[in-house]
Amino acid sequence: MHMENISNVVKLESIKSFQSTISKSEKALASMTQKGANTTLLNKRLKAIYIGLAILENVWNKKTHHYTLEDLAEARDVLTGLFPSIENTYVKSKAGSPQRTLLERRIKALELAVQAIDDFADE
């Protein structure tokens, strides 16, 4: 599916999904930092999620981003690495539950971000 053929509803849900993930991750990061926990992995994920959001906003809303191809490649790896745990949670979630809907949107948003990064790298 071409990035231009995505419905406005899916675009909006995907952007909201990334914003929600960023918000949750920032809260978790603050909490972990307070506790003196290791935040390396979370920082790496958060950067990848910022990039995922930026690339979607670039494709759909023509917002500029300052990320390099190296940043994009790294983000792609990290985002792709999130699929197994999200899909696991999805399988365990109840059909028709709000949690499942959120997970479906998160998976879709990640897929679209990965596709946008691939398209960008191919240009």
PDB file of N, CA and C in Angstrom:
ATOM      1  N   MET A   1       0.844  -1.197   0.000  1.00  0.00           N
ATOM      2  CA  MET A   1       0.000   0.000   0.000  1.00  0.00           C
ATOM      3  C   MET A   1       0.883   1.252   0.000  1.00  0.00           C
ATOM      4  N   HIS A   2       0.571   2.206  -0.860  1.00  0.00           N
ATOM      5  CA  HIS A   2       1.337   3.441  -0.921  1.00  0.00           C
ATOM      6  C   HIS A   2       0.972   4.350   0.245  1.00  0.00           C
ATOM      7  N   MET A   3       1.967   5.067   0.735  1.00  0.00           N
ATOM      8  CA  MET A   3       1.772   5.945   1.883  1.00  0.00           C
ATOM      9  C   MET A   3       0.703   7.010   1.606  1.00  0.00           C
ATOM     10  N   GLU A   4       0.543   7.399   0.328  1.00  0.00           N
ATOM     11  CA  GLU A   4      -0.440   8.439  -0.010  1.00  0.00           C
ATOM     12  C   GLU A   4      -1.868   7.895   0.057  1.00  0.00           C
ATOM     13  N   ASN A   5      -2.022   6.583  -0.079  1.00  0.00           N
ATOM     14  CA  ASN A   5      -3.358   5.979  -0.115  1.00  0.00           C
ATOM     15  C   ASN A   5      -3.900   5.619   1.269  1.00  0.00           C
ATOM     16  N   ILE A   6      -3.208   6.028   2.297  1.00  0.00           N
ATOM     17  CA  ILE A   6      -3.653   5.746   3.657  1.00  0.00           C
ATOM     18  C   ILE A   6      -4.786   6.713   4.002  1.00  0.00           C
ATOM     19  N   SER A   7      -5.856   6.197   4.604  1.00  0.00           N
ATOM     20  CA  SER A   7      -6.989   7.073   4.947  1.00  0.00           C
ATOM     21  C   SER A   7      -6.582   8.065   6.033  1.00  0.00           C
ATOM     22  N   ASN A   8      -7.291   9.191   6.075  1.00  0.00           N
ATOM     23  CA  ASN A   8      -7.012  10.210   7.091  1.00  0.00           C
ATOM     24  C   ASN A   8      -7.209   9.667   8.505  1.00  0.00           C
ATOM     25  N   VAL A   9      -8.179   8.763   8.652  1.00  0.00           N
ATOM     26  CA  VAL A   9      -8.434   8.165   9.968  1.00  0.00           C
ATOM     27  C   VAL A   9      -7.204   7.379  10.424  1.00  0.00           C
ATOM     28  N   VAL A  10      -6.668   6.551   9.543  1.00  0.00           N
ATOM     29  CA  VAL A  10      -5.488   5.745   9.893  1.00  0.00           C
ATOM     30  C   VAL A  10      -4.285   6.652  10.154  1.00  0.00           C
ATOM     31  N   LYS A  11      -4.151   7.705   9.346  1.00  0.00           N
ATOM     32  CA  LYS A  11      -3.048   8.660   9.562  1.00  0.00           C
ATOM     33  C   LYS A  11      -3.140   9.254  10.960  1.00  0.00           C
ATOM     34  N   LEU A  12      -4.341   9.729  11.297  1.00  0.00           N
ATOM     35  CA  LEU A  12      -4.562  10.359  12.600  1.00  0.00           C
ATOM     36  C   LEU A  12      -4.316   9.362  13.736  1.00  0.00           C
ATOM     37  N   GLU A  13      -4.862   8.163  13.603  1.00  0.00           N
ATOM     38  CA  GLU A  13      -4.685   7.131  14.639  1.00  0.00           C
ATOM     39  C   GLU A  13      -3.213   6.768  14.802  1.00  0.00           C
ATOM     40  N   SER A  14      -2.486   6.705  13.694  1.00  0.00           N
ATOM     41  CA  SER A  14      -1.070   6.348  13.751  1.00  0.00           C
ATOM     42  C   SER A  14      -0.258   7.424  14.451  1.00  0.00           C
ATOM     43  N   ILE A  15      -0.538   8.674  14.119  1.00  0.00           N
ATOM     44  CA  ILE A  15       0.182   9.781  14.756  1.00  0.00           C
ATOM     45  C   ILE A  15      -0.156   9.831  16.252  1.00  0.00           C
ATOM     46  N   LYS A  16      -1.439   9.646  16.577  1.00  0.00           N
ATOM     47  CA  LYS A  16      -1.854   9.623  17.992  1.00  0.00           C
ATOM     48  C   LYS A  16      -1.193   8.464  18.739  1.00  0.00           C
ATOM     49  N   SER A  17      -1.081   7.327  18.078  1.00  0.00           N
ATOM     50  CA  SER A  17      -0.457   6.156  18.681  1.00  0.00           C
ATOM     51  C   SER A  17       0.999   6.447  19.035  1.00  0.00           C
ATOM     52  N   PHE A  18       1.727   7.072  18.103  1.00  0.00           N
ATOM     53  CA  PHE A  18       3.117   7.440  18.371  1.00  0.00           C
ATOM     54  C   PHE A  18       3.197   8.457  19.509  1.00  0.00           C
ATOM     55  N   GLN A  19       2.302   9.450  19.500  1.00  0.00           N
ATOM     56  CA  GLN A  19       2.320  10.472  20.557  1.00  0.00           C
ATOM     57  C   GLN A  19       2.053   9.847  21.924  1.00  0.00           C
ATOM     58  N   SER A  20       1.116   8.907  21.962  1.00  0.00           N
ATOM     59  CA  SER A  20       0.788   8.211  23.205  1.00  0.00           C
ATOM     60  C   SER A  20       1.981   7.376  23.688  1.00  0.00           C
ATOM     61  N   THR A  21       2.647   6.686  22.764  1.00  0.00           N
ATOM     62  CA  THR A  21       3.809   5.872  23.110  1.00  0.00           C
ATOM     63  C   THR A  21       4.937   6.765  23.633  1.00  0.00           C
ATOM     64  N   ILE A  22       5.123   7.923  23.012  1.00  0.00           N
ATOM     65  CA  ILE A  22       6.153   8.867  23.453  1.00  0.00           C
ATOM     66  C   ILE A  22       5.848   9.330  24.878  1.00  0.00           C
ATOM     67  N   SER A  23       4.588   9.690  25.107  1.00  0.00           N
ATOM     68  CA  SER A  23       4.180  10.165  26.429  1.00  0.00           C
ATOM     69  C   SER A  23       4.428   9.100  27.504  1.00  0.00           C
ATOM     70  N   LYS A  24       4.017   7.856  27.225  1.00  0.00           N
ATOM     71  CA  LYS A  24       4.227   6.747  28.174  1.00  0.00           C
ATOM     72  C   LYS A  24       5.716   6.504  28.404  1.00  0.00           C
ATOM     73  N   SER A  25       6.485   6.532  27.322  1.00  0.00           N
ATOM     74  CA  SER A  25       7.926   6.272  27.418  1.00  0.00           C
ATOM     75  C   SER A  25       8.642   7.368  28.204  1.00  0.00           C
ATOM     76  N   GLU A  26       8.220   8.607  27.999  1.00  0.00           N
ATOM     77  CA  GLU A  26       8.841   9.720  28.736  1.00  0.00           C
ATOM     78  C   GLU A  26       8.553   9.606  30.232  1.00  0.00           C
ATOM     79  N   LYS A  27       7.333   9.194  30.588  1.00  0.00           N
ATOM     80  CA  LYS A  27       6.986   8.992  31.998  1.00  0.00           C
ATOM     81  C   LYS A  27       7.815   7.854  32.597  1.00  0.00           C
ATOM     82  N   ALA A  28       7.915   6.762  31.845  1.00  0.00           N
ATOM     83  CA  ALA A  28       8.710   5.613  32.309  1.00  0.00           C
ATOM     84  C   ALA A  28      10.172   6.006  32.489  1.00  0.00           C
ATOM     85  N   LEU A  29      10.672   6.809  31.560  1.00  0.00           N
ATOM     86  CA  LEU A  29      12.060   7.265  31.608  1.00  0.00           C
ATOM     87  C   LEU A  29      12.311   8.118  32.851  1.00  0.00           C
ATOM     88  N   ALA A  30      11.401   9.031  33.131  1.00  0.00           N
ATOM     89  CA  ALA A  30      11.521   9.896  34.310  1.00  0.00           C
ATOM     90  C   ALA A  30      11.535   9.048  35.581  1.00  0.00           C
ATOM     91  N   SER A  31      10.639   8.080  35.634  1.00  0.00           N
ATOM     92  CA  SER A  31      10.540   7.196  36.793  1.00  0.00           C
ATOM     93  C   SER A  31      11.816   6.351  36.958  1.00  0.00           C
ATOM     94  N   MET A  32      12.309   5.799  35.851  1.00  0.00           N
ATOM     95  CA  MET A  32      13.526   4.976  35.901  1.00  0.00           C
ATOM     96  C   MET A  32      14.748   5.809  36.272  1.00  0.00           C
ATOM     97  N   THR A  33      14.797   7.036  35.773  1.00  0.00           N
ATOM     98  CA  THR A  33      15.918   7.926  36.060  1.00  0.00           C
ATOM     99  C   THR A  33      15.948   8.246  37.554  1.00  0.00           C
ATOM    100  N   GLN A  34      14.771   8.506  38.124  1.00  0.00           N
ATOM    101  CA  GLN A  34      14.660   8.773  39.562  1.00  0.00           C
ATOM    102  C   GLN A  34      15.178   7.598  40.384  1.00  0.00           C
ATOM    103  N   LYS A  35      14.862   6.401  39.916  1.00  0.00           N
ATOM    104  CA  LYS A  35      15.256   5.180  40.644  1.00  0.00           C
ATOM    105  C   LYS A  35      16.701   4.792  40.359  1.00  0.00           C
ATOM    106  N   GLY A  36      17.341   5.509  39.438  1.00  0.00           N
ATOM    107  CA  GLY A  36      18.725   5.204  39.090  1.00  0.00           C
ATOM    108  C   GLY A  36      18.863   3.943  38.257  1.00  0.00           C
ATOM    109  N   ALA A  37      17.771   3.555  37.561  1.00  0.00           N
ATOM    110  CA  ALA A  37      17.808   2.354  36.725  1.00  0.00           C
ATOM    111  C   ALA A  37      18.526   2.647  35.407  1.00  0.00           C
ATOM    112  N   ASN A  38      18.924   1.600  34.721  1.00  0.00           N
ATOM    113  CA  ASN A  38      19.592   1.755  33.431  1.00  0.00           C
ATOM    114  C   ASN A  38      18.555   2.146  32.381  1.00  0.00           C
ATOM    115  N   THR A  39      18.778   3.272  31.730  1.00  0.00           N
ATOM    116  CA  THR A  39      17.802   3.803  30.780  1.00  0.00           C
ATOM    117  C   THR A  39      18.285   3.721  29.330  1.00  0.00           C
ATOM    118  N   THR A  40      19.398   3.048  29.092  1.00  0.00           N
ATOM    119  CA  THR A  40      19.974   2.996  27.737  1.00  0.00           C
ATOM    120  C   THR A  40      18.981   2.485  26.706  1.00  0.00           C
ATOM    121  N   LEU A  41      18.364   1.341  26.994  1.00  0.00           N
ATOM    122  CA  LEU A  41      17.431   0.728  26.045  1.00  0.00           C
ATOM    123  C   LEU A  41      16.214   1.623  25.810  1.00  0.00           C
ATOM    124  N   LEU A  42      15.658   2.159  26.901  1.00  0.00           N
ATOM    125  CA  LEU A  42      14.480   3.011  26.775  1.00  0.00           C
ATOM    126  C   LEU A  42      14.811   4.280  25.983  1.00  0.00           C
ATOM    127  N   ASN A  43      15.992   4.857  26.224  1.00  0.00           N
ATOM    128  CA  ASN A  43      16.406   6.044  25.465  1.00  0.00           C
ATOM    129  C   ASN A  43      16.500   5.735  23.979  1.00  0.00           C
ATOM    130  N   LYS A  44      17.032   4.558  23.677  1.00  0.00           N
ATOM    131  CA  LYS A  44      17.176   4.135  22.282  1.00  0.00           C
ATOM    132  C   LYS A  44      15.797   3.963  21.631  1.00  0.00           C
ATOM    133  N   ARG A  45      14.881   3.345  22.379  1.00  0.00           N
ATOM    134  CA  ARG A  45      13.516   3.158  21.868  1.00  0.00           C
ATOM    135  C   ARG A  45      12.805   4.485  21.672  1.00  0.00           C
ATOM    136  N   LEU A  46      12.965   5.368  22.659  1.00  0.00           N
ATOM    137  CA  LEU A  46      12.309   6.669  22.594  1.00  0.00           C
ATOM    138  C   LEU A  46      12.793   7.445  21.373  1.00  0.00           C
ATOM    139  N   LYS A  47      14.086   7.411  21.112  1.00  0.00           N
ATOM    140  CA  LYS A  47      14.631   8.101  19.934  1.00  0.00           C
ATOM    141  C   LYS A  47      14.008   7.515  18.656  1.00  0.00           C
ATOM    142  N   ALA A  48      13.915   6.190  18.607  1.00  0.00           N
ATOM    143  CA  ALA A  48      13.334   5.525  17.429  1.00  0.00           C
ATOM    144  C   ALA A  48      11.867   5.913  17.253  1.00  0.00           C
ATOM    145  N   ILE A  49      11.144   6.049  18.356  1.00  0.00           N
ATOM    146  CA  ILE A  49       9.730   6.413  18.291  1.00  0.00           C
ATOM    147  C   ILE A  49       9.575   7.869  17.836  1.00  0.00           C
ATOM    148  N   TYR A  50      10.447   8.750  18.329  1.00  0.00           N
ATOM    149  CA  TYR A  50      10.455  10.146  17.851  1.00  0.00           C
ATOM    150  C   TYR A  50      10.678  10.175  16.338  1.00  0.00           C
ATOM    151  N   ILE A  51      11.620   9.368  15.878  1.00  0.00           N
ATOM    152  CA  ILE A  51      11.943   9.328  14.449  1.00  0.00           C
ATOM    153  C   ILE A  51      10.763   8.759  13.655  1.00  0.00           C
ATOM    154  N   GLY A  52      10.130   7.708  14.179  1.00  0.00           N
ATOM    155  CA  GLY A  52       8.963   7.126  13.522  1.00  0.00           C
ATOM    156  C   GLY A  52       7.864   8.156  13.332  1.00  0.00           C
ATOM    157  N   LEU A  53       7.607   8.929  14.384  1.00  0.00           N
ATOM    158  CA  LEU A  53       6.597   9.984  14.310  1.00  0.00           C
ATOM    159  C   LEU A  53       7.025  11.054  13.302  1.00  0.00           C
ATOM    160  N   ALA A  54       8.288  11.460  13.370  1.00  0.00           N
ATOM    161  CA  ALA A  54       8.794  12.520  12.481  1.00  0.00           C
ATOM    162  C   ALA A  54       8.683  12.113  11.016  1.00  0.00           C
ATOM    163  N   ILE A  55       8.979  10.860  10.720  1.00  0.00           N
ATOM    164  CA  ILE A  55       8.952  10.411   9.322  1.00  0.00           C
ATOM    165  C   ILE A  55       7.511  10.351   8.804  1.00  0.00           C
ATOM    166  N   LEU A  56       6.569   9.936   9.651  1.00  0.00           N
ATOM    167  CA  LEU A  56       5.159   9.928   9.236  1.00  0.00           C
ATOM    168  C   LEU A  56       4.657  11.360   9.023  1.00  0.00           C
ATOM    169  N   GLU A  57       5.039  12.256   9.924  1.00  0.00           N
ATOM    170  CA  GLU A  57       4.613  13.653   9.776  1.00  0.00           C
ATOM    171  C   GLU A  57       5.279  14.298   8.557  1.00  0.00           C
ATOM    172  N   ASN A  58       6.460  13.807   8.213  1.00  0.00           N
ATOM    173  CA  ASN A  58       7.148  14.295   7.020  1.00  0.00           C
ATOM    174  C   ASN A  58       6.397  13.861   5.761  1.00  0.00           C
ATOM    175  N   VAL A  59       6.027  12.582   5.709  1.00  0.00           N
ATOM    176  CA  VAL A  59       5.347  12.035   4.535  1.00  0.00           C
ATOM    177  C   VAL A  59       3.945  12.615   4.384  1.00  0.00           C
ATOM    178  N   TRP A  60       3.203  12.668   5.481  1.00  0.00           N
ATOM    179  CA  TRP A  60       1.799  13.045   5.405  1.00  0.00           C
ATOM    180  C   TRP A  60       1.543  14.541   5.552  1.00  0.00           C
ATOM    181  N   ASN A  61       2.342  15.218   6.387  1.00  0.00           N
ATOM    182  CA  ASN A  61       2.076  16.632   6.681  1.00  0.00           C
ATOM    183  C   ASN A  61       3.196  17.549   6.208  1.00  0.00           C
ATOM    184  N   LYS A  62       4.130  16.981   5.443  1.00  0.00           N
ATOM    185  CA  LYS A  62       5.256  17.740   4.868  1.00  0.00           C
ATOM    186  C   LYS A  62       6.094  18.463   5.922  1.00  0.00           C
ATOM    187  N   LYS A  63       6.088  17.943   7.175  1.00  0.00           N
ATOM    188  CA  LYS A  63       6.937  18.542   8.208  1.00  0.00           C
ATOM    189  C   LYS A  63       8.366  18.078   7.967  1.00  0.00           C
ATOM    190  N   THR A  64       9.300  18.995   8.095  1.00  0.00           N
ATOM    191  CA  THR A  64      10.701  18.621   7.862  1.00  0.00           C
ATOM    192  C   THR A  64      11.246  17.899   9.091  1.00  0.00           C
ATOM    193  N   HIS A  65      12.256  17.070   8.864  1.00  0.00           N
ATOM    194  CA  HIS A  65      12.966  16.440   9.984  1.00  0.00           C
ATOM    195  C   HIS A  65      14.451  16.547   9.687  1.00  0.00           C
ATOM    196  N   HIS A  66      15.257  16.411  10.743  1.00  0.00           N
ATOM    197  CA  HIS A  66      16.697  16.608  10.605  1.00  0.00           C
ATOM    198  C   HIS A  66      17.474  15.298  10.789  1.00  0.00           C
ATOM    199  N   TYR A  67      16.785  14.168  10.618  1.00  0.00           N
ATOM    200  CA  TYR A  67      17.447  12.888  10.859  1.00  0.00           C
ATOM    201  C   TYR A  67      18.247  12.437   9.641  1.00  0.00           C
ATOM    202  N   THR A  68      19.370  11.785   9.923  1.00  0.00           N
ATOM    203  CA  THR A  68      20.228  11.268   8.851  1.00  0.00           C
ATOM    204  C   THR A  68      19.758   9.878   8.441  1.00  0.00           C
ATOM    205  N   LEU A  69      20.276   9.392   7.326  1.00  0.00           N
ATOM    206  CA  LEU A  69      19.955   8.019   6.887  1.00  0.00           C
ATOM    207  C   LEU A  69      20.399   7.009   7.942  1.00  0.00           C
ATOM    208  N   GLU A  70      21.489   7.313   8.614  1.00  0.00           N
ATOM    209  CA  GLU A  70      21.984   6.437   9.690  1.00  0.00           C
ATOM    210  C   GLU A  70      20.981   6.392  10.850  1.00  0.00           C
ATOM    211  N   ASP A  71      20.460   7.585  11.223  1.00  0.00           N
ATOM    212  CA  ASP A  71      19.420   7.652  12.270  1.00  0.00           C
ATOM    213  C   ASP A  71      18.215   6.810  11.869  1.00  0.00           C
ATOM    214  N   LEU A  72      17.804   6.964  10.608  1.00  0.00           N
ATOM    215  CA  LEU A  72      16.621   6.247  10.104  1.00  0.00           C
ATOM    216  C   LEU A  72      16.844   4.734  10.123  1.00  0.00           C
ATOM    217  N   ALA A  73      18.032   4.313   9.714  1.00  0.00           N
ATOM    218  CA  ALA A  73      18.341   2.874   9.691  1.00  0.00           C
ATOM    219  C   ALA A  73      18.319   2.299  11.101  1.00  0.00           C
ATOM    220  N   GLU A  74      18.882   3.040  12.042  1.00  0.00           N
ATOM    221  CA  GLU A  74      18.908   2.607  13.439  1.00  0.00           C
ATOM    222  C   GLU A  74      17.480   2.543  13.994  1.00  0.00           C
ATOM    223  N   ALA A  75      16.697   3.579  13.692  1.00  0.00           N
ATOM    224  CA  ALA A  75      15.303   3.625  14.166  1.00  0.00           C
ATOM    225  C   ALA A  75      14.510   2.460  13.598  1.00  0.00           C
ATOM    226  N   ARG A  76      14.750   2.164  12.329  1.00  0.00           N
ATOM    227  CA  ARG A  76      14.046   1.062  11.681  1.00  0.00           C
ATOM    228  C   ARG A  76      14.305  -0.247  12.416  1.00  0.00           C
ATOM    229  N   ASP A  77      15.563  -0.495  12.773  1.00  0.00           N
ATOM    230  CA  ASP A  77      15.934  -1.712  13.506  1.00  0.00           C
ATOM    231  C   ASP A  77      15.228  -1.772  14.859  1.00  0.00           C
ATOM    232  N   VAL A  78      15.240  -0.660  15.563  1.00  0.00           N
ATOM    233  CA  VAL A  78      14.627  -0.618  16.890  1.00  0.00           C
ATOM    234  C   VAL A  78      13.108  -0.812  16.783  1.00  0.00           C
ATOM    235  N   LEU A  79      12.477  -0.103  15.843  1.00  0.00           N
ATOM    236  CA  LEU A  79      11.023  -0.218  15.672  1.00  0.00           C
ATOM    237  C   LEU A  79      10.630  -1.639  15.278  1.00  0.00           C
ATOM    238  N   THR A  80      11.399  -2.234  14.371  1.00  0.00           N
ATOM    239  CA  THR A  80      11.129  -3.613  13.945  1.00  0.00           C
ATOM    240  C   THR A  80      11.266  -4.565  15.133  1.00  0.00           C
ATOM    241  N   GLY A  81      12.211  -4.257  16.017  1.00  0.00           N
ATOM    242  CA  GLY A  81      12.440  -5.074  17.207  1.00  0.00           C
ATOM    243  C   GLY A  81      11.304  -5.020  18.215  1.00  0.00           C
ATOM    244  N   LEU A  82      10.426  -4.025  18.085  1.00  0.00           N
ATOM    245  CA  LEU A  82       9.291  -3.897  19.013  1.00  0.00           C
ATOM    246  C   LEU A  82       8.131  -4.826  18.659  1.00  0.00           C
ATOM    247  N   PHE A  83       8.079  -5.257  17.393  1.00  0.00           N
ATOM    248  CA  PHE A  83       6.944  -6.075  16.941  1.00  0.00           C
ATOM    249  C   PHE A  83       6.689  -7.335  17.773  1.00  0.00           C
ATOM    250  N   PRO A  84       7.699  -8.177  18.023  1.00  0.00           N
ATOM    251  CA  PRO A  84       7.409  -9.436  18.734  1.00  0.00           C
ATOM    252  C   PRO A  84       6.708  -9.248  20.081  1.00  0.00           C
ATOM    253  N   SER A  85       7.169  -8.299  20.901  1.00  0.00           N
ATOM    254  CA  SER A  85       6.537  -8.131  22.220  1.00  0.00           C
ATOM    255  C   SER A  85       5.131  -7.548  22.099  1.00  0.00           C
ATOM    256  N   ILE A  86       4.930  -6.623  21.158  1.00  0.00           N
ATOM    257  CA  ILE A  86       3.583  -6.051  20.967  1.00  0.00           C
ATOM    258  C   ILE A  86       2.630  -7.119  20.439  1.00  0.00           C
ATOM    259  N   GLU A  87       3.110  -7.927  19.489  1.00  0.00           N
ATOM    260  CA  GLU A  87       2.266  -8.987  18.930  1.00  0.00           C
ATOM    261  C   GLU A  87       1.931 -10.042  19.976  1.00  0.00           C
ATOM    262  N   ASN A  88       2.881 -10.327  20.863  1.00  0.00           N
ATOM    263  CA  ASN A  88       2.642 -11.252  21.978  1.00  0.00           C
ATOM    264  C   ASN A  88       1.531 -10.749  22.878  1.00  0.00           C
ATOM    265  N   THR A  89       1.623  -9.485  23.254  1.00  0.00           N
ATOM    266  CA  THR A  89       0.604  -8.860  24.098  1.00  0.00           C
ATOM    267  C   THR A  89      -0.739  -8.866  23.377  1.00  0.00           C
ATOM    268  N   TYR A  90      -0.692  -8.607  22.076  1.00  0.00           N
ATOM    269  CA  TYR A  90      -1.901  -8.588  21.254  1.00  0.00           C
ATOM    270  C   TYR A  90      -2.609  -9.945  21.292  1.00  0.00           C
ATOM    271  N   VAL A  91      -1.853 -11.006  21.105  1.00  0.00           N
ATOM    272  CA  VAL A  91      -2.405 -12.367  21.101  1.00  0.00           C
ATOM    273  C   VAL A  91      -3.083 -12.670  22.443  1.00  0.00           C
ATOM    274  N   LYS A  92      -2.493 -12.157  23.531  1.00  0.00           N
ATOM    275  CA  LYS A  92      -3.041 -12.411  24.869  1.00  0.00           C
ATOM    276  C   LYS A  92      -4.227 -11.504  25.200  1.00  0.00           C
ATOM    277  N   SER A  93      -4.400 -10.436  24.434  1.00  0.00           N
ATOM    278  CA  SER A  93      -5.477  -9.480  24.739  1.00  0.00           C
ATOM    279  C   SER A  93      -6.826 -10.043  24.292  1.00  0.00           C
ATOM    280  N   LYS A  94      -7.866  -9.528  24.939  1.00  0.00           N
ATOM    281  CA  LYS A  94      -9.217 -10.021  24.658  1.00  0.00           C
ATOM    282  C   LYS A  94      -9.770  -9.382  23.395  1.00  0.00           C
ATOM    283  N   ALA A  95     -10.402 -10.194  22.550  1.00  0.00           N
ATOM    284  CA  ALA A  95     -11.031  -9.692  21.330  1.00  0.00           C
ATOM    285  C   ALA A  95     -12.029  -8.602  21.684  1.00  0.00           C
ATOM    286  N   GLY A  96     -11.983  -7.493  20.952  1.00  0.00           N
ATOM    287  CA  GLY A  96     -12.924  -6.405  21.174  1.00  0.00           C
ATOM    288  C   GLY A  96     -12.588  -5.495  22.350  1.00  0.00           C
ATOM    289  N   SER A  97     -11.492  -5.781  23.060  1.00  0.00           N
ATOM    290  CA  SER A  97     -11.133  -4.946  24.210  1.00  0.00           C
ATOM    291  C   SER A  97     -10.454  -3.655  23.748  1.00  0.00           C
ATOM    292  N   PRO A  98     -10.563  -2.589  24.567  1.00  0.00           N
ATOM    293  CA  PRO A  98      -9.882  -1.331  24.221  1.00  0.00           C
ATOM    294  C   PRO A  98      -8.364  -1.542  24.071  1.00  0.00           C
ATOM    295  N   GLN A  99      -7.803  -2.422  24.906  1.00  0.00           N
ATOM    296  CA  GLN A  99      -6.370  -2.708  24.834  1.00  0.00           C
ATOM    297  C   GLN A  99      -6.007  -3.273  23.457  1.00  0.00           C
ATOM    298  N   ARG A 100      -6.816  -4.179  22.965  1.00  0.00           N
ATOM    299  CA  ARG A 100      -6.554  -4.792  21.659  1.00  0.00           C
ATOM    300  C   ARG A 100      -6.611  -3.740  20.550  1.00  0.00           C
ATOM    301  N   THR A 101      -7.598  -2.854  20.626  1.00  0.00           N
ATOM    302  CA  THR A 101      -7.722  -1.775  19.633  1.00  0.00           C
ATOM    303  C   THR A 101      -6.464  -0.906  19.639  1.00  0.00           C
ATOM    304  N   LEU A 102      -5.991  -0.539  20.832  1.00  0.00           N
ATOM    305  CA  LEU A 102      -4.775   0.278  20.939  1.00  0.00           C
ATOM    306  C   LEU A 102      -3.574  -0.460  20.365  1.00  0.00           C
ATOM    307  N   LEU A 103      -3.489  -1.752  20.641  1.00  0.00           N
ATOM    308  CA  LEU A 103      -2.370  -2.556  20.122  1.00  0.00           C
ATOM    309  C   LEU A 103      -2.433  -2.665  18.603  1.00  0.00           C
ATOM    310  N   GLU A 104      -3.640  -2.838  18.057  1.00  0.00           N
ATOM    311  CA  GLU A 104      -3.803  -2.887  16.594  1.00  0.00           C
ATOM    312  C   GLU A 104      -3.304  -1.592  15.967  1.00  0.00           C
ATOM    313  N   ARG A 105      -3.679  -0.468  16.589  1.00  0.00           N
ATOM    314  CA  ARG A 105      -3.259   0.836  16.072  1.00  0.00           C
ATOM    315  C   ARG A 105      -1.754   1.011  16.190  1.00  0.00           C
ATOM    316  N   ARG A 106      -1.183   0.532  17.301  1.00  0.00           N
ATOM    317  CA  ARG A 106       0.260   0.661  17.508  1.00  0.00           C
ATOM    318  C   ARG A 106       1.016  -0.157  16.462  1.00  0.00           C
ATOM    319  N   ILE A 107       0.549  -1.378  16.207  1.00  0.00           N
ATOM    320  CA  ILE A 107       1.186  -2.237  15.202  1.00  0.00           C
ATOM    321  C   ILE A 107       1.116  -1.571  13.832  1.00  0.00           C
ATOM    322  N   LYS A 108      -0.061  -1.060  13.478  1.00  0.00           N
ATOM    323  CA  LYS A 108      -0.262  -0.387  12.190  1.00  0.00           C
ATOM    324  C   LYS A 108       0.664   0.827  12.076  1.00  0.00           C
ATOM    325  N   ALA A 109       0.729   1.624  13.133  1.00  0.00           N
ATOM    326  CA  ALA A 109       1.575   2.824  13.136  1.00  0.00           C
ATOM    327  C   ALA A 109       3.044   2.451  12.933  1.00  0.00           C
ATOM    328  N   LEU A 110       3.486   1.402  13.612  1.00  0.00           N
ATOM    329  CA  LEU A 110       4.880   0.955  13.473  1.00  0.00           C
ATOM    330  C   LEU A 110       5.149   0.453  12.062  1.00  0.00           C
ATOM    331  N   GLU A 111       4.208  -0.324  11.526  1.00  0.00           N
ATOM    332  CA  GLU A 111       4.362  -0.827  10.151  1.00  0.00           C
ATOM    333  C   GLU A 111       4.489   0.322   9.163  1.00  0.00           C
ATOM    334  N   LEU A 112       3.641   1.335   9.327  1.00  0.00           N
ATOM    335  CA  LEU A 112       3.658   2.486   8.425  1.00  0.00           C
ATOM    336  C   LEU A 112       4.956   3.281   8.560  1.00  0.00           C
ATOM    337  N   ALA A 113       5.441   3.430   9.784  1.00  0.00           N
ATOM    338  CA  ALA A 113       6.701   4.154  10.003  1.00  0.00           C
ATOM    339  C   ALA A 113       7.866   3.408   9.354  1.00  0.00           C
ATOM    340  N   VAL A 114       7.893   2.084   9.527  1.00  0.00           N
ATOM    341  CA  VAL A 114       8.957   1.275   8.914  1.00  0.00           C
ATOM    342  C   VAL A 114       8.885   1.401   7.391  1.00  0.00           C
ATOM    343  N   GLN A 115       7.667   1.345   6.854  1.00  0.00           N
ATOM    344  CA  GLN A 115       7.492   1.485   5.400  1.00  0.00           C
ATOM    345  C   GLN A 115       7.959   2.870   4.924  1.00  0.00           C
ATOM    346  N   ALA A 116       7.616   3.903   5.693  1.00  0.00           N
ATOM    347  CA  ALA A 116       8.015   5.269   5.324  1.00  0.00           C
ATOM    348  C   ALA A 116       9.539   5.402   5.342  1.00  0.00           C
ATOM    349  N   ILE A 117      10.182   4.770   6.317  1.00  0.00           N
ATOM    350  CA  ILE A 117      11.650   4.807   6.388  1.00  0.00           C
ATOM    351  C   ILE A 117      12.241   4.084   5.178  1.00  0.00           C
ATOM    352  N   ASP A 118      11.665   2.931   4.840  1.00  0.00           N
ATOM    353  CA  ASP A 118      12.138   2.183   3.664  1.00  0.00           C
ATOM    354  C   ASP A 118      11.991   3.021   2.396  1.00  0.00           C
ATOM    355  N   ASP A 119      10.835   3.667   2.235  1.00  0.00           N
ATOM    356  CA  ASP A 119      10.582   4.501   1.050  1.00  0.00           C
ATOM    357  C   ASP A 119      11.589   5.651   0.995  1.00  0.00           C
ATOM    358  N   PHE A 120      11.838   6.246   2.142  1.00  0.00           N
ATOM    359  CA  PHE A 120      12.747   7.387   2.235  1.00  0.00           C
ATOM    360  C   PHE A 120      14.167   6.958   1.861  1.00  0.00           C
ATOM    361  N   ALA A 121      14.576   5.792   2.368  1.00  0.00           N
ATOM    362  CA  ALA A 121      15.928   5.279   2.098  1.00  0.00           C
ATOM    363  C   ALA A 121      16.103   4.898   0.629  1.00  0.00           C
ATOM    364  N   ASP A 122      15.004   4.539  -0.037  1.00  0.00           N
ATOM    365  CA  ASP A 122      15.071   4.145  -1.446  1.00  0.00           C
ATOM    366  C   ASP A 122      15.155   5.328  -2.408  1.00  0.00           C
ATOM    367  N   GLU A 123      14.805   6.521  -1.901  1.00  0.00           N
ATOM    368  CA  GLU A 123      14.780   7.708  -2.780  1.00  0.00           C
ATOM    369  C   GLU A 123      16.169   8.089  -3.259  1.00  0.00           C
TER     370      GLU A 123
END
